[in-house]
Amino acid sequence: MKKILLMCNAGMSTSMLVSKMREAAEAQGYDCTIEACPVSDLNAAAGADVILLGPQVRFQLSKVQKAYPDIPVDAISPTDYGMVKGDNVLKAARKLMKETI
């Protein structure tokens, strides 16, 4: 089972997006866990298969990439984040993991 981790300022602003991503994963029959945490809690990323940063913390991208060089890390599209497009963000996560969609 894949672990997708979303990181934001406090771990709360992504909660709606996490819910929408879980709905999309269930609709696709995709077995994964999707969690959110604050970017300040870098230890929470251990064991993740992919890390996505909220647009408000995208300036932390290089820091997270350096901390986890073997895990794909990227920032979530501001449009998908703002419009809570869970299906698009899930698709982006799967692409980062080089999965066939």
N, C-alpha and C. Protein backbone atom coordinates (compact mmCIF):
# COMPACT_ATOMS: atom_id res chain seq x y z
N MET A 1 0.85 -1.18 0.00
CA MET A 1 0.00 0.00 0.00
C MET A 1 0.89 1.24 0.00
N LYS A 2 0.59 2.16 -0.88
CA LYS A 2 1.37 3.40 -1.00
C LYS A 2 0.94 4.41 0.06
N LYS A 3 1.92 5.18 0.52
CA LYS A 3 1.64 6.25 1.49
C LYS A 3 1.90 7.59 0.83
N ILE A 4 0.87 8.40 0.74
CA ILE A 4 0.95 9.74 0.17
C ILE A 4 0.86 10.74 1.32
N LEU A 5 1.83 11.61 1.41
CA LEU A 5 1.86 12.58 2.50
C LEU A 5 1.77 14.00 1.95
N LEU A 6 0.82 14.76 2.46
CA LEU A 6 0.68 16.17 2.12
C LEU A 6 1.21 16.99 3.29
N MET A 7 2.02 17.99 2.98
CA MET A 7 2.57 18.85 4.02
C MET A 7 2.13 20.28 3.77
N CYS A 8 1.71 20.94 4.85
CA CYS A 8 1.32 22.34 4.76
C CYS A 8 1.82 23.07 6.00
N ASN A 9 1.30 24.25 6.26
CA ASN A 9 1.75 25.04 7.40
C ASN A 9 1.48 24.35 8.73
N ALA A 10 0.24 23.98 8.97
CA ALA A 10 -0.11 23.40 10.27
C ALA A 10 -0.69 22.00 10.15
N GLY A 11 -0.82 21.49 8.93
CA GLY A 11 -1.40 20.17 8.74
C GLY A 11 -2.91 20.17 8.70
N MET A 12 -3.53 21.34 8.81
CA MET A 12 -4.99 21.39 8.84
C MET A 12 -5.58 21.91 7.53
N SER A 13 -4.86 22.79 6.86
CA SER A 13 -5.43 23.38 5.64
C SER A 13 -5.57 22.37 4.52
N THR A 14 -4.92 21.24 4.63
CA THR A 14 -5.03 20.22 3.60
C THR A 14 -6.09 19.17 3.91
N SER A 15 -6.77 19.28 5.04
CA SER A 15 -7.71 18.23 5.45
C SER A 15 -8.83 17.99 4.44
N MET A 16 -9.37 19.05 3.85
CA MET A 16 -10.42 18.87 2.84
C MET A 16 -9.85 18.19 1.60
N LEU A 17 -8.63 18.57 1.23
CA LEU A 17 -8.00 17.96 0.06
C LEU A 17 -7.71 16.48 0.32
N VAL A 18 -7.26 16.15 1.50
CA VAL A 18 -7.03 14.75 1.86
C VAL A 18 -8.33 13.96 1.71
N SER A 19 -9.43 14.50 2.19
CA SER A 19 -10.73 13.82 2.07
C SER A 19 -11.11 13.59 0.62
N LYS A 20 -10.92 14.60 -0.21
CA LYS A 20 -11.25 14.48 -1.64
C LYS A 20 -10.32 13.47 -2.33
N MET A 21 -9.05 13.45 -1.93
CA MET A 21 -8.12 12.48 -2.50
C MET A 21 -8.50 11.07 -2.11
N ARG A 22 -8.91 10.88 -0.87
CA ARG A 22 -9.34 9.55 -0.41
C ARG A 22 -10.57 9.09 -1.19
N GLU A 23 -11.51 10.02 -1.42
CA GLU A 23 -12.70 9.69 -2.22
C GLU A 23 -12.30 9.26 -3.62
N ALA A 24 -11.37 10.00 -4.22
CA ALA A 24 -10.91 9.67 -5.58
C ALA A 24 -10.22 8.31 -5.60
N ALA A 25 -9.38 8.04 -4.60
CA ALA A 25 -8.68 6.76 -4.53
C ALA A 25 -9.68 5.61 -4.39
N GLU A 26 -10.68 5.79 -3.56
CA GLU A 26 -11.70 4.75 -3.37
C GLU A 26 -12.47 4.51 -4.67
N ALA A 27 -12.82 5.59 -5.36
CA ALA A 27 -13.55 5.47 -6.62
C ALA A 27 -12.73 4.73 -7.68
N GLN A 28 -11.40 4.89 -7.61
CA GLN A 28 -10.51 4.23 -8.57
C GLN A 28 -10.10 2.83 -8.12
N GLY A 29 -10.47 2.45 -6.90
CA GLY A 29 -10.03 1.17 -6.36
C GLY A 29 -8.55 1.16 -6.06
N TYR A 30 -8.01 2.34 -5.77
CA TYR A 30 -6.57 2.49 -5.51
C TYR A 30 -6.32 2.39 -4.01
N ASP A 31 -5.54 1.40 -3.61
CA ASP A 31 -5.26 1.14 -2.21
C ASP A 31 -4.07 1.97 -1.74
N CYS A 32 -4.34 2.97 -0.90
CA CYS A 32 -3.28 3.84 -0.41
C CYS A 32 -3.71 4.50 0.89
N THR A 33 -2.74 5.08 1.57
CA THR A 33 -3.05 5.92 2.72
C THR A 33 -2.67 7.34 2.34
N ILE A 34 -3.48 8.28 2.74
CA ILE A 34 -3.23 9.69 2.45
C ILE A 34 -3.34 10.43 3.76
N GLU A 35 -2.27 11.12 4.12
CA GLU A 35 -2.22 11.83 5.39
C GLU A 35 -1.70 13.24 5.17
N ALA A 36 -1.92 14.09 6.17
CA ALA A 36 -1.40 15.46 6.14
C ALA A 36 -0.68 15.75 7.44
N CYS A 37 0.33 16.58 7.35
CA CYS A 37 1.06 17.00 8.55
C CYS A 37 1.72 18.35 8.27
N PRO A 38 2.17 19.03 9.31
CA PRO A 38 2.87 20.30 9.10
C PRO A 38 4.26 20.04 8.51
N VAL A 39 4.71 20.93 7.66
CA VAL A 39 6.03 20.78 7.05
C VAL A 39 7.13 20.86 8.10
N SER A 40 6.84 21.46 9.23
CA SER A 40 7.83 21.54 10.31
C SER A 40 8.10 20.17 10.94
N ASP A 41 7.22 19.20 10.71
CA ASP A 41 7.37 17.85 11.25
C ASP A 41 7.97 16.93 10.18
N LEU A 42 9.21 17.18 9.82
CA LEU A 42 9.85 16.41 8.76
C LEU A 42 9.93 14.92 9.08
N ASN A 43 9.99 14.56 10.35
CA ASN A 43 10.07 13.14 10.72
C ASN A 43 8.83 12.37 10.28
N ALA A 44 7.72 13.05 10.13
CA ALA A 44 6.47 12.40 9.72
C ALA A 44 6.56 11.85 8.30
N ALA A 45 7.51 12.33 7.53
CA ALA A 45 7.63 11.90 6.13
C ALA A 45 8.32 10.55 5.99
N ALA A 46 8.93 10.06 7.05
CA ALA A 46 9.59 8.76 6.97
C ALA A 46 8.58 7.70 6.57
N GLY A 47 8.93 6.91 5.59
CA GLY A 47 8.04 5.85 5.12
C GLY A 47 7.06 6.27 4.05
N ALA A 48 7.04 7.54 3.71
CA ALA A 48 6.14 8.00 2.64
C ALA A 48 6.69 7.56 1.28
N ASP A 49 5.78 7.32 0.36
CA ASP A 49 6.18 6.99 -1.01
C ASP A 49 6.24 8.23 -1.88
N VAL A 50 5.54 9.27 -1.47
CA VAL A 50 5.56 10.55 -2.18
C VAL A 50 5.16 11.64 -1.19
N ILE A 51 5.76 12.82 -1.35
CA ILE A 51 5.45 13.96 -0.49
C ILE A 51 5.01 15.12 -1.37
N LEU A 52 3.86 15.69 -1.04
CA LEU A 52 3.35 16.84 -1.77
C LEU A 52 3.22 18.01 -0.81
N LEU A 53 3.76 19.15 -1.21
CA LEU A 53 3.70 20.35 -0.37
C LEU A 53 2.57 21.26 -0.82
N GLY A 54 1.87 21.82 0.14
CA GLY A 54 0.86 22.82 -0.16
C GLY A 54 1.52 24.05 -0.75
N PRO A 55 0.80 24.80 -1.59
CA PRO A 55 1.39 25.97 -2.24
C PRO A 55 1.98 26.99 -1.26
N GLN A 56 1.39 27.09 -0.06
CA GLN A 56 1.86 28.07 0.90
C GLN A 56 3.22 27.70 1.51
N VAL A 57 3.66 26.45 1.32
CA VAL A 57 4.97 26.04 1.85
C VAL A 57 5.90 25.54 0.74
N ARG A 58 5.59 25.88 -0.49
CA ARG A 58 6.42 25.40 -1.60
C ARG A 58 7.85 25.91 -1.50
N PHE A 59 8.07 27.00 -0.75
CA PHE A 59 9.43 27.51 -0.55
C PHE A 59 10.28 26.52 0.25
N GLN A 60 9.66 25.54 0.88
CA GLN A 60 10.37 24.51 1.65
C GLN A 60 10.74 23.29 0.79
N LEU A 61 10.43 23.34 -0.49
CA LEU A 61 10.63 22.21 -1.39
C LEU A 61 12.05 21.66 -1.33
N SER A 62 13.04 22.50 -1.50
CA SER A 62 14.43 22.00 -1.52
C SER A 62 14.84 21.41 -0.18
N LYS A 63 14.34 21.98 0.91
CA LYS A 63 14.65 21.46 2.25
C LYS A 63 14.11 20.03 2.41
N VAL A 64 12.88 19.82 1.98
CA VAL A 64 12.27 18.50 2.09
C VAL A 64 12.96 17.52 1.14
N GLN A 65 13.29 17.97 -0.07
CA GLN A 65 14.00 17.11 -1.02
C GLN A 65 15.36 16.68 -0.46
N LYS A 66 16.06 17.58 0.19
CA LYS A 66 17.36 17.24 0.78
C LYS A 66 17.20 16.26 1.94
N ALA A 67 16.14 16.44 2.73
CA ALA A 67 15.90 15.55 3.87
C ALA A 67 15.51 14.14 3.42
N TYR A 68 14.83 14.04 2.28
CA TYR A 68 14.35 12.76 1.76
C TYR A 68 14.71 12.61 0.28
N PRO A 69 16.00 12.42 -0.03
CA PRO A 69 16.42 12.37 -1.43
C PRO A 69 15.88 11.17 -2.21
N ASP A 70 15.42 10.13 -1.51
CA ASP A 70 14.92 8.94 -2.20
C ASP A 70 13.40 8.92 -2.36
N ILE A 71 12.74 9.99 -1.90
CA ILE A 71 11.28 10.08 -2.00
C ILE A 71 10.93 11.21 -2.97
N PRO A 72 10.05 10.95 -3.95
CA PRO A 72 9.63 12.04 -4.84
C PRO A 72 8.90 13.13 -4.04
N VAL A 73 9.29 14.38 -4.27
CA VAL A 73 8.70 15.52 -3.57
C VAL A 73 8.35 16.58 -4.60
N ASP A 74 7.17 17.17 -4.49
CA ASP A 74 6.78 18.26 -5.38
C ASP A 74 5.75 19.12 -4.66
N ALA A 75 5.47 20.28 -5.24
CA ALA A 75 4.45 21.18 -4.71
C ALA A 75 3.14 20.92 -5.45
N ILE A 76 2.05 21.03 -4.73
CA ILE A 76 0.72 20.86 -5.31
C ILE A 76 0.38 22.09 -6.14
N SER A 77 -0.24 21.87 -7.28
CA SER A 77 -0.70 22.97 -8.12
C SER A 77 -1.60 23.90 -7.31
N PRO A 78 -1.32 25.21 -7.32
CA PRO A 78 -2.17 26.14 -6.58
C PRO A 78 -3.64 26.07 -7.00
N THR A 79 -3.89 25.83 -8.28
CA THR A 79 -5.27 25.73 -8.77
C THR A 79 -5.95 24.49 -8.19
N ASP A 80 -5.28 23.34 -8.28
CA ASP A 80 -5.86 22.11 -7.75
C ASP A 80 -6.05 22.20 -6.24
N TYR A 81 -5.12 22.84 -5.56
CA TYR A 81 -5.21 23.00 -4.11
C TYR A 81 -6.39 23.90 -3.75
N GLY A 82 -6.47 25.04 -4.40
CA GLY A 82 -7.52 26.01 -4.11
C GLY A 82 -8.92 25.52 -4.45
N MET A 83 -9.01 24.72 -5.51
CA MET A 83 -10.32 24.20 -5.94
C MET A 83 -10.60 22.82 -5.34
N VAL A 84 -9.69 22.36 -4.50
CA VAL A 84 -9.80 21.08 -3.80
C VAL A 84 -10.06 19.93 -4.79
N LYS A 85 -9.22 19.87 -5.80
CA LYS A 85 -9.33 18.85 -6.85
C LYS A 85 -8.54 17.60 -6.43
N GLY A 86 -9.15 16.82 -5.56
CA GLY A 86 -8.49 15.62 -5.04
C GLY A 86 -8.08 14.64 -6.10
N ASP A 87 -8.91 14.49 -7.14
CA ASP A 87 -8.57 13.56 -8.21
C ASP A 87 -7.32 14.00 -8.96
N ASN A 88 -7.18 15.30 -9.21
CA ASN A 88 -5.99 15.80 -9.91
C ASN A 88 -4.73 15.65 -9.06
N VAL A 89 -4.85 15.91 -7.77
CA VAL A 89 -3.68 15.81 -6.88
C VAL A 89 -3.28 14.34 -6.72
N LEU A 90 -4.25 13.44 -6.65
CA LEU A 90 -3.95 12.01 -6.59
C LEU A 90 -3.23 11.58 -7.86
N LYS A 91 -3.71 12.04 -8.99
CA LYS A 91 -3.08 11.72 -10.27
C LYS A 91 -1.63 12.22 -10.30
N ALA A 92 -1.39 13.43 -9.81
CA ALA A 92 -0.04 13.98 -9.76
C ALA A 92 0.85 13.15 -8.85
N ALA A 93 0.32 12.71 -7.72
CA ALA A 93 1.09 11.88 -6.79
C ALA A 93 1.47 10.56 -7.45
N ARG A 94 0.55 9.96 -8.14
CA ARG A 94 0.81 8.68 -8.81
C ARG A 94 1.83 8.84 -9.93
N LYS A 95 1.78 9.95 -10.64
CA LYS A 95 2.78 10.22 -11.68
C LYS A 95 4.16 10.37 -11.07
N LEU A 96 4.25 11.06 -9.93
CA LEU A 96 5.54 11.23 -9.26
C LEU A 96 6.11 9.88 -8.83
N MET A 97 5.24 8.94 -8.49
CA MET A 97 5.69 7.60 -8.11
C MET A 97 5.91 6.72 -9.33
N LYS A 98 5.75 7.32 -10.50
CA LYS A 98 5.92 6.63 -11.78
C LYS A 98 4.98 5.43 -11.95
N GLU A 99 3.76 5.62 -11.48
CA GLU A 99 2.75 4.58 -11.63
C GLU A 99 1.97 4.80 -12.92
N THR A 100 1.54 3.71 -13.50
CA THR A 100 0.67 3.78 -14.66
C THR A 100 -0.73 4.11 -14.16
N ILE A 101 -1.31 5.13 -14.77
CA ILE A 101 -2.64 5.58 -14.32
C ILE A 101 -3.70 5.13 -15.30
